[in-house]
Amino acid sequence: MNDAVTTPAQDSEESTNWRSIPQMAVLFGFVLCVYGLVQDKQQFAFSYLTAFMFFLSLGLGSLFMVLVHHLFDAGWSSPIRRYLEHFSCLLFPWMGLAFVPIGFMAPEYIYPWMQVVDPHDDHALYVKKALFNKPTWYAGSVIVFLFWGWLTHRLRYWSLQQDKAGTPEFEGKLMFPEHLITGFYQKFQKLPFERENQQVLCTRMMRIHAASGVVPYAFTLTLGAILWMKGIQHQFFSTMYGVYYFAGSVWLTISTAWITARVLKAKGLLPQVHTLQFYYLGSMLLAFTVFYAYIHFSQYFLIWNAAVPEETFWYVLREKGTWAYVSWGLIIGHFLIPFLTLLRIDVKLTNRIMVPIFIWVLLMHYMDMYFNMMPEIHPDGPAPALADLGTLLLIGGALIVVFMRDLFSNPICPLQDPRMGEAIEHH
């Protein structure tokens, strides 16, 4: 498809200016992080973890969007699939490397349960000792990053190979355990596997990875949210916490996908994006606004109605002092404002409304992460610190540098996606 050829980065002088902004953010953020670390190590540790979980949610939400694209054989999302693949590939190794400082700071500054010598001294810890112990915590953290790395990079690998189908550059090598997975689908699912058709082979492999990876994805996301966020207050019980983090992650990702598509289209780098993509992304943002509110309310309602001390203390703490204002801020800002704004059909295609909504979503999701973690060290209310800004700039700037490198090193749009014609035609 000739109309799918995109403009390379080196041909765009303006793209060079884009690259300088995140690099400056990394430098400024590093200075603030050093200052914050010297001033208050525990505050820095919590600020860093909050920023880490904020950006981790973008990678996990992007991976979900890619999985859904392949699971449902979606057509409309074909033009935006490639940069979502790049977002998801930030999970490994980059977010894995960003996790290293958390691993070092965890025992002393973040997780009180790691300082308990005998789990019998803490009943809540004892009944969860199979999960909340140092070997499991570190091993589980490594495993989830390795899985995310495998799934995201193999999905992107076959996507990039699809661009090269029918050319001498095509490679299309199956790695272990892809041989086993494809053998299972061929033998037990009777799935046709057309190895001689390179384009079909790539499409088939992406769908196989999506089908086999969606359940482990849900499990590892939940495990990560429990180990790294809920583990701050290990006494807390909630069977909905993983879904709660998932809903916020996809909510953030949809908004980021919308604004990324708008910027790339305005720069002439992604002309394949049309009204269809913007409208559907706006509709999904509305849907996940409602879904997040439903999950958060359900968690609150069930916990408060049961009145079990091991559960209610988590919300009691967040209704004390000025944390009560943050709670109301989430109700109004994370649900009511975007919900009422996105109800109109035409709003989803209006820049002057959607761009502020995008910025609002960023602020609300960070507030949500802050609300989950900071009451442990600031029980009376929020206490903003320079380390909060520094960690956001450091991690965010570094990820943007990597994302832009990947984005402009490959075709920005999938060149031979079989659904691309459908996506462009129905605009």
Protein backbone atom coordinates (compact mmCIF):
# COMPACT_ATOMS: atom_id res chain seq x y z
CA MET A 1 0.00 0.00 0.00
CA ASN A 2 1.81 3.08 -1.21
CA ASP A 3 -0.27 5.47 0.82
CA ALA A 4 0.94 3.82 4.00
CA VAL A 5 4.51 5.01 3.60
CA THR A 6 5.42 7.41 6.38
CA THR A 7 7.92 10.21 6.72
CA PRO A 8 11.21 9.17 8.38
CA ALA A 9 12.44 11.16 11.33
CA GLN A 10 15.68 12.30 9.74
CA ASP A 11 13.69 14.04 7.01
CA SER A 12 11.86 16.13 9.54
CA GLU A 13 13.94 18.88 11.10
CA GLU A 14 11.19 19.57 13.58
CA SER A 15 11.43 16.05 14.99
CA THR A 16 14.92 16.95 16.21
CA ASN A 17 13.39 19.71 18.32
CA TRP A 18 10.98 17.18 19.83
CA ARG A 19 13.90 15.06 20.98
CA SER A 20 15.55 17.89 22.90
CA ILE A 21 12.55 18.44 25.19
CA PRO A 22 12.55 15.00 26.86
CA GLN A 23 16.34 15.09 27.14
CA MET A 24 16.11 18.38 29.04
CA ALA A 25 13.38 16.84 31.20
CA VAL A 26 15.70 13.94 32.08
CA LEU A 27 18.50 16.30 33.08
CA PHE A 28 16.28 18.58 35.17
CA GLY A 29 14.52 15.61 36.72
CA PHE A 30 17.83 13.98 37.66
CA VAL A 31 18.90 17.13 39.51
CA LEU A 32 15.61 17.26 41.42
CA CYS A 33 15.86 13.53 42.22
CA VAL A 34 19.36 13.94 43.66
CA TYR A 35 18.14 16.84 45.79
CA GLY A 36 15.09 14.87 46.93
CA LEU A 37 17.17 11.81 47.76
CA VAL A 38 19.53 13.87 49.92
CA GLN A 39 16.70 15.71 51.68
CA ASP A 40 14.39 12.78 52.53
CA LYS A 41 15.12 9.26 51.36
CA GLN A 42 11.70 7.85 52.25
CA GLN A 43 9.87 10.68 50.52
CA PHE A 44 12.03 10.12 47.45
CA ALA A 45 11.32 6.38 47.53
CA PHE A 46 7.56 6.93 47.60
CA SER A 47 7.74 9.66 44.95
CA TYR A 48 9.75 7.37 42.71
CA LEU A 49 7.34 4.45 43.18
CA THR A 50 4.36 6.70 42.43
CA ALA A 51 5.93 7.94 39.19
CA PHE A 52 6.96 4.39 38.30
CA MET A 53 3.43 2.99 38.70
CA PHE A 54 2.06 5.95 36.74
CA PHE A 55 4.21 5.23 33.68
CA LEU A 56 3.93 1.47 34.09
CA SER A 57 0.19 1.85 33.61
CA LEU A 58 0.79 3.38 30.16
CA GLY A 59 2.81 0.37 29.05
CA LEU A 60 0.30 -2.12 30.43
CA GLY A 61 -2.66 -0.26 28.98
CA SER A 62 -0.97 -0.13 25.57
CA LEU A 63 -0.32 -3.87 25.71
CA PHE A 64 -4.01 -4.42 26.42
CA MET A 65 -4.97 -2.31 23.41
CA VAL A 66 -2.67 -4.35 21.16
CA LEU A 67 -4.04 -7.63 22.54
CA VAL A 68 -7.62 -6.50 21.97
CA HIS A 69 -6.80 -5.44 18.41
CA HIS A 70 -5.65 -8.97 17.55
CA LEU A 71 -8.21 -10.85 19.64
CA PHE A 72 -11.13 -9.15 17.95
CA ASP A 73 -9.48 -8.79 14.54
CA ALA A 74 -10.23 -5.08 14.75
CA GLY A 75 -9.96 -2.91 11.67
CA TRP A 76 -10.36 0.62 12.98
CA SER A 77 -7.30 0.40 15.26
CA SER A 78 -4.87 -0.73 12.55
CA PRO A 79 -3.37 2.75 11.90
CA ILE A 80 -2.63 3.34 15.60
CA ARG A 81 -1.38 -0.17 16.39
CA ARG A 82 2.30 0.47 15.73
CA TYR A 83 2.88 3.26 18.24
CA LEU A 84 0.87 1.32 20.82
CA GLU A 85 3.33 -1.54 20.26
CA HIS A 86 6.18 0.87 20.95
CA PHE A 87 4.49 2.09 24.13
CA SER A 88 4.02 -1.50 25.32
CA CYS A 89 7.66 -2.38 24.60
CA LEU A 90 8.71 0.26 27.13
CA LEU A 91 7.75 -2.32 29.77
CA PHE A 92 10.95 -4.24 29.09
CA PRO A 93 13.78 -3.59 29.48
CA TRP A 94 13.21 0.09 30.26
CA MET A 95 10.57 -0.12 32.99
CA GLY A 96 12.43 -3.17 34.30
CA LEU A 97 15.56 -1.05 34.65
CA ALA A 98 13.53 1.73 36.26
CA PHE A 99 12.34 -0.83 38.80
CA VAL A 100 15.88 -1.54 40.05
CA PRO A 101 16.00 1.46 42.46
CA ILE A 102 12.67 0.31 43.91
CA GLY A 103 14.18 -3.10 44.59
CA PHE A 104 17.02 -1.49 46.54
CA MET A 105 14.81 0.94 48.45
CA ALA A 106 11.98 -1.50 49.18
CA PRO A 107 13.18 -3.13 52.45
CA GLU A 108 14.14 0.03 54.27
CA TYR A 109 11.94 2.82 52.94
CA ILE A 110 8.80 1.49 51.20
CA TYR A 111 7.37 -1.79 52.54
CA PRO A 112 7.09 -2.05 56.36
CA TRP A 113 6.38 -5.80 56.17
CA MET A 114 9.91 -6.40 54.90
CA GLN A 115 11.25 -5.27 58.26
CA VAL A 116 9.20 -7.79 60.24
CA VAL A 117 11.57 -10.51 61.40
CA ASP A 118 8.95 -13.07 62.43
CA PRO A 119 5.66 -13.13 60.44
CA HIS A 120 3.94 -14.64 63.51
CA ASP A 121 4.21 -11.17 65.11
CA ASP A 122 1.84 -9.78 62.47
CA HIS A 123 -1.29 -11.83 61.84
CA ALA A 124 -2.11 -10.02 58.57
CA LEU A 125 1.38 -10.75 57.31
CA TYR A 126 1.39 -14.34 58.53
CA VAL A 127 -1.74 -15.31 56.56
CA LYS A 128 -0.16 -13.77 53.43
CA LYS A 129 3.36 -15.00 54.02
CA ALA A 130 3.28 -17.14 50.87
CA LEU A 131 3.16 -13.92 48.84
CA PHE A 132 4.63 -11.26 51.11
CA ASN A 133 8.12 -12.53 51.70
CA LYS A 134 11.30 -11.18 50.17
CA PRO A 135 12.21 -14.13 47.89
CA THR A 136 8.69 -14.25 46.41
CA TRP A 137 8.50 -10.48 46.06
CA TYR A 138 11.78 -10.20 44.15
CA ALA A 139 11.28 -13.37 42.11
CA GLY A 140 7.70 -12.41 41.23
CA SER A 141 8.85 -8.96 40.15
CA VAL A 142 11.46 -10.44 37.82
CA ILE A 143 9.02 -12.96 36.36
CA VAL A 144 6.34 -10.40 35.46
CA PHE A 145 8.85 -8.17 33.67
CA LEU A 146 10.29 -11.12 31.76
CA PHE A 147 6.79 -12.16 30.65
CA TRP A 148 5.87 -8.63 29.61
CA GLY A 149 9.13 -8.38 27.71
CA TRP A 150 8.53 -11.62 25.85
CA LEU A 151 4.93 -10.84 24.90
CA THR A 152 5.43 -7.21 23.88
CA HIS A 153 8.58 -7.76 21.85
CA ARG A 154 7.27 -10.82 20.01
CA LEU A 155 4.09 -8.97 19.10
CA ARG A 156 6.14 -6.07 17.77
CA TYR A 157 8.59 -8.42 16.07
CA TRP A 158 5.88 -10.08 13.99
CA SER A 159 4.28 -6.71 13.31
CA LEU A 160 7.55 -5.36 11.89
CA GLN A 161 8.13 -8.59 9.99
CA GLN A 162 4.72 -8.18 8.39
CA ASP A 163 5.96 -4.89 6.92
CA LYS A 164 8.76 -6.85 5.22
CA ALA A 165 6.56 -9.67 3.90
CA GLY A 166 7.39 -10.49 0.29
CA THR A 167 10.78 -8.78 0.43
CA PRO A 168 14.31 -10.21 0.87
CA GLU A 169 14.48 -8.57 4.32
CA PHE A 170 11.78 -10.86 5.69
CA GLU A 171 13.05 -13.11 8.46
CA GLY A 172 10.07 -14.60 10.29
CA LYS A 173 11.92 -16.87 12.73
CA LEU A 174 9.94 -18.74 15.38
CA MET A 175 11.55 -18.76 18.81
CA PHE A 176 10.98 -21.14 21.69
CA PRO A 177 8.24 -21.65 22.83
CA GLU A 178 6.50 -20.36 19.69
CA HIS A 179 7.03 -23.78 18.08
CA LEU A 180 5.05 -25.40 20.89
CA ILE A 181 2.29 -22.81 20.80
CA THR A 182 1.82 -23.02 17.05
CA GLY A 183 1.90 -26.83 17.26
CA PHE A 184 -0.91 -26.76 19.80
CA TYR A 185 -3.08 -24.52 17.64
CA GLN A 186 -2.43 -26.63 14.57
CA LYS A 187 -3.10 -29.99 16.22
CA PHE A 188 -5.88 -29.29 18.69
CA GLN A 189 -7.50 -26.16 17.30
CA LYS A 190 -7.16 -27.22 13.63
CA LEU A 191 -5.88 -23.75 12.85
CA PRO A 192 -4.51 -23.38 9.31
CA PHE A 193 -0.89 -22.26 9.34
CA GLU A 194 0.19 -20.92 5.96
CA ARG A 195 3.97 -20.72 6.31
CA GLU A 196 4.46 -19.98 2.62
CA ASN A 197 2.31 -16.84 2.85
CA GLN A 198 4.51 -14.48 4.84
CA GLN A 199 1.86 -11.84 5.48
CA VAL A 200 -0.64 -14.41 6.76
CA LEU A 201 2.05 -16.06 8.88
CA CYS A 202 2.77 -12.78 10.68
CA THR A 203 -0.92 -12.06 11.22
CA ARG A 204 -1.46 -15.57 12.55
CA MET A 205 1.48 -15.33 14.95
CA MET A 206 0.26 -12.02 16.39
CA ARG A 207 -3.19 -13.47 16.97
CA ILE A 208 -1.72 -16.59 18.58
CA HIS A 209 0.37 -14.49 20.95
CA ALA A 210 -2.65 -12.36 21.83
CA ALA A 211 -4.85 -15.41 22.51
CA SER A 212 -2.23 -17.23 24.58
CA GLY A 213 -1.03 -14.10 26.37
CA VAL A 214 -4.21 -12.37 27.50
CA VAL A 215 -4.81 -14.54 30.59
CA PRO A 216 -1.17 -14.39 31.81
CA TYR A 217 -1.34 -10.64 31.12
CA ALA A 218 -4.28 -10.27 33.51
CA PHE A 219 -2.54 -12.40 36.13
CA THR A 220 0.81 -10.57 35.95
CA LEU A 221 -0.82 -7.12 35.98
CA THR A 222 -2.74 -8.08 39.11
CA LEU A 223 0.38 -9.54 40.72
CA GLY A 224 2.38 -6.41 39.98
CA ALA A 225 -0.31 -4.13 41.41
CA ILE A 226 -0.52 -6.24 44.59
CA LEU A 227 3.23 -6.58 45.12
CA TRP A 228 4.19 -2.98 44.40
CA MET A 229 1.13 -0.92 45.38
CA LYS A 230 -1.17 -2.82 47.68
CA GLY A 231 1.88 -4.30 49.43
CA ILE A 232 2.63 -0.89 50.91
CA GLN A 233 -0.19 -1.60 53.37
CA HIS A 234 -0.10 -5.39 53.42
CA GLN A 235 -3.02 -5.66 55.85
CA PHE A 236 -5.43 -4.49 53.15
CA PHE A 237 -7.71 -7.05 51.49
CA SER A 238 -9.35 -6.42 48.11
CA THR A 239 -10.22 -8.86 45.36
CA MET A 240 -10.77 -5.97 42.92
CA TYR A 241 -7.47 -4.16 43.28
CA GLY A 242 -5.92 -5.57 40.10
CA VAL A 243 -8.98 -4.64 38.03
CA TYR A 244 -8.93 -1.21 39.65
CA TYR A 245 -5.35 -0.60 38.49
CA PHE A 246 -6.14 -2.09 35.08
CA ALA A 247 -9.11 0.24 34.53
CA GLY A 248 -7.03 3.33 35.32
CA SER A 249 -4.19 2.08 33.11
CA VAL A 250 -6.37 1.66 30.03
CA TRP A 251 -8.08 4.98 30.76
CA LEU A 252 -4.72 6.75 30.66
CA THR A 253 -3.60 4.84 27.57
CA ILE A 254 -6.69 5.68 25.53
CA SER A 255 -6.21 9.37 26.17
CA THR A 256 -2.50 9.13 25.33
CA ALA A 257 -3.32 7.23 22.13
CA TRP A 258 -5.79 9.94 21.10
CA ILE A 259 -3.36 12.82 21.56
CA THR A 260 -0.47 10.88 19.97
CA ALA A 261 -2.56 10.21 16.87
CA ARG A 262 -3.56 13.86 16.71
CA VAL A 263 0.04 15.07 16.94
CA LEU A 264 1.35 12.59 14.36
CA LYS A 265 -1.46 13.43 11.95
CA ALA A 266 -0.89 17.17 12.38
CA LYS A 267 2.81 16.65 11.56
CA GLY A 268 1.89 14.69 8.45
CA LEU A 269 3.50 11.53 9.80
CA LEU A 270 0.33 9.45 10.15
CA PRO A 271 -2.13 10.47 7.40
CA GLN A 272 -3.91 7.09 7.71
CA VAL A 273 -5.63 8.27 10.91
CA HIS A 274 -9.07 9.73 10.27
CA THR A 275 -12.29 10.60 12.06
CA LEU A 276 -13.02 6.92 12.72
CA GLN A 277 -10.01 6.42 14.99
CA PHE A 278 -10.54 9.62 16.96
CA TYR A 279 -14.21 8.90 17.49
CA TYR A 280 -13.67 5.32 18.65
CA LEU A 281 -10.86 6.34 21.01
CA GLY A 282 -13.10 9.03 22.47
CA SER A 283 -15.90 6.51 22.90
CA MET A 284 -13.52 4.08 24.62
CA LEU A 285 -12.36 6.87 26.93
CA LEU A 286 -15.97 7.45 27.96
CA ALA A 287 -16.50 3.70 28.46
CA PHE A 288 -13.46 3.30 30.68
CA THR A 289 -14.38 6.43 32.62
CA VAL A 290 -17.57 4.63 33.60
CA PHE A 291 -15.79 1.28 34.08
CA TYR A 292 -13.19 2.79 36.42
CA ALA A 293 -15.90 4.51 38.47
CA TYR A 294 -17.87 1.25 38.67
CA ILE A 295 -14.84 -0.73 39.88
CA HIS A 296 -13.76 1.88 42.42
CA PHE A 297 -17.29 2.32 43.78
CA SER A 298 -17.81 -1.45 43.95
CA GLN A 299 -14.59 -1.89 45.90
CA TYR A 300 -15.56 0.89 48.30
CA PHE A 301 -19.16 -0.28 48.68
CA LEU A 302 -18.32 -3.93 49.33
CA ILE A 303 -15.56 -3.10 51.80
CA TRP A 304 -17.60 -0.53 53.69
CA ASN A 305 -20.69 -2.71 53.76
CA ALA A 306 -18.77 -5.71 55.11
CA ALA A 307 -17.13 -3.52 57.78
CA VAL A 308 -14.11 -5.80 58.21
CA PRO A 309 -11.33 -3.85 59.98
CA GLU A 310 -8.60 -5.35 57.76
CA GLU A 311 -10.34 -3.77 54.79
CA THR A 312 -12.02 -0.60 56.03
CA PHE A 313 -8.85 0.91 57.55
CA TRP A 314 -7.58 1.62 54.02
CA TYR A 315 -10.49 3.97 53.29
CA VAL A 316 -10.67 5.34 56.83
CA LEU A 317 -7.10 6.59 56.44
CA ARG A 318 -7.99 8.25 53.15
CA GLU A 319 -10.93 10.09 54.68
CA LYS A 320 -8.83 11.73 57.40
CA GLY A 321 -7.35 15.21 57.20
CA THR A 322 -7.03 16.71 53.75
CA TRP A 323 -7.06 13.26 52.13
CA ALA A 324 -10.84 13.62 52.21
CA TYR A 325 -10.54 16.43 49.65
CA VAL A 326 -8.44 14.17 47.42
CA SER A 327 -11.11 11.48 47.68
CA TRP A 328 -13.77 13.92 46.56
CA GLY A 329 -11.39 15.20 43.89
CA LEU A 330 -11.19 11.72 42.41
CA ILE A 331 -14.96 11.31 42.46
CA ILE A 332 -15.48 14.60 40.68
CA GLY A 333 -12.35 14.79 38.54
CA HIS A 334 -11.76 11.16 37.66
CA PHE A 335 -15.40 10.43 36.87
CA LEU A 336 -17.92 13.26 36.87
CA ILE A 337 -16.07 15.87 34.79
CA PRO A 338 -14.82 13.55 31.99
CA PHE A 339 -18.10 11.63 31.99
CA LEU A 340 -20.26 14.70 31.46
CA THR A 341 -17.81 16.19 28.96
CA LEU A 342 -17.57 13.09 26.77
CA LEU A 343 -21.31 12.43 26.57
CA ARG A 344 -21.70 14.61 23.48
CA ILE A 345 -20.79 12.87 20.22
CA ASP A 346 -19.08 15.85 18.59
CA VAL A 347 -16.79 16.46 21.58
CA LYS A 348 -14.72 13.37 20.76
CA LEU A 349 -13.59 15.06 17.53
CA THR A 350 -13.01 18.55 18.93
CA ASN A 351 -9.39 19.45 19.66
CA ARG A 352 -10.09 22.38 21.96
CA ILE A 353 -11.98 20.05 24.28
CA MET A 354 -10.10 16.76 23.92
CA VAL A 355 -6.62 18.25 24.43
CA PRO A 356 -7.58 19.71 27.85
CA ILE A 357 -9.27 16.39 28.65
CA PHE A 358 -6.00 14.62 27.86
CA ILE A 359 -4.10 16.86 30.27
CA TRP A 360 -6.87 16.38 32.83
CA VAL A 361 -6.63 12.59 32.50
CA LEU A 362 -2.88 12.74 33.17
CA LEU A 363 -3.44 14.78 36.33
CA MET A 364 -6.28 12.59 37.59
CA HIS A 365 -4.42 9.33 37.02
CA TYR A 366 -1.37 10.66 38.84
CA MET A 367 -3.63 11.82 41.66
CA ASP A 368 -5.04 8.31 41.78
CA MET A 369 -1.56 6.79 42.11
CA TYR A 370 -0.68 9.39 44.75
CA PHE A 371 -3.90 8.58 46.62
CA ASN A 372 -2.94 4.91 46.71
CA MET A 373 0.59 5.30 48.07
CA MET A 374 1.28 8.53 49.92
CA PRO A 375 -1.11 8.12 52.91
CA GLU A 376 1.37 5.57 54.29
CA ILE A 377 3.93 8.31 55.01
CA HIS A 378 1.61 11.34 55.09
CA PRO A 379 -1.47 10.22 57.09
CA ASP A 380 -2.75 13.78 57.61
CA GLY A 381 -2.91 14.78 53.97
CA PRO A 382 -0.95 15.30 50.75
CA ALA A 383 2.52 16.78 51.08
CA PRO A 384 3.86 17.61 47.61
CA ALA A 385 7.64 17.49 47.26
CA LEU A 386 10.19 18.35 44.59
CA ALA A 387 10.95 14.65 44.35
CA ASP A 388 7.43 14.13 42.95
CA LEU A 389 8.20 16.38 39.99
CA GLY A 390 11.76 15.12 39.64
CA THR A 391 10.83 11.46 39.37
CA LEU A 392 8.09 12.22 36.84
CA LEU A 393 10.50 14.19 34.65
CA LEU A 394 13.31 11.65 34.97
CA ILE A 395 11.31 8.51 34.18
CA GLY A 396 8.91 10.17 31.75
CA GLY A 397 11.64 11.98 29.84
CA ALA A 398 13.73 8.83 29.49
CA LEU A 399 10.75 6.82 28.23
CA ILE A 400 9.85 9.48 25.68
CA VAL A 401 13.41 9.44 24.34
CA VAL A 402 13.20 5.67 23.82
CA PHE A 403 9.68 5.85 22.38
CA MET A 404 10.62 8.51 19.82
CA ARG A 405 13.70 6.53 18.80
CA ASP A 406 11.60 3.41 18.20
CA LEU A 407 8.80 5.36 16.52
CA PHE A 408 11.01 7.01 13.93
CA SER A 409 13.29 4.01 13.38
CA ASN A 410 10.45 1.98 11.87
CA PRO A 411 7.39 2.64 9.71
CA ILE A 412 4.99 4.61 11.90
CA CYS A 413 2.02 2.74 10.48
CA PRO A 414 1.74 -1.03 9.76
CA LEU A 415 2.37 -1.24 6.03
CA GLN A 416 0.75 -4.59 5.25
CA ASP A 417 -1.88 -5.01 7.92
CA PRO A 418 -4.74 -6.83 6.16
CA ARG A 419 -7.25 -4.53 7.88
CA MET A 420 -5.56 -1.28 6.90
CA GLY A 421 -7.63 -0.83 3.77
CA GLU A 422 -10.81 -1.21 5.80
CA ALA A 423 -9.61 1.36 8.34
CA ILE A 424 -8.75 3.92 5.67
CA GLU A 425 -11.88 3.30 3.59
CA HIS A 426 -14.34 3.84 6.44
CA HIS A 427 -13.22 7.26 7.54
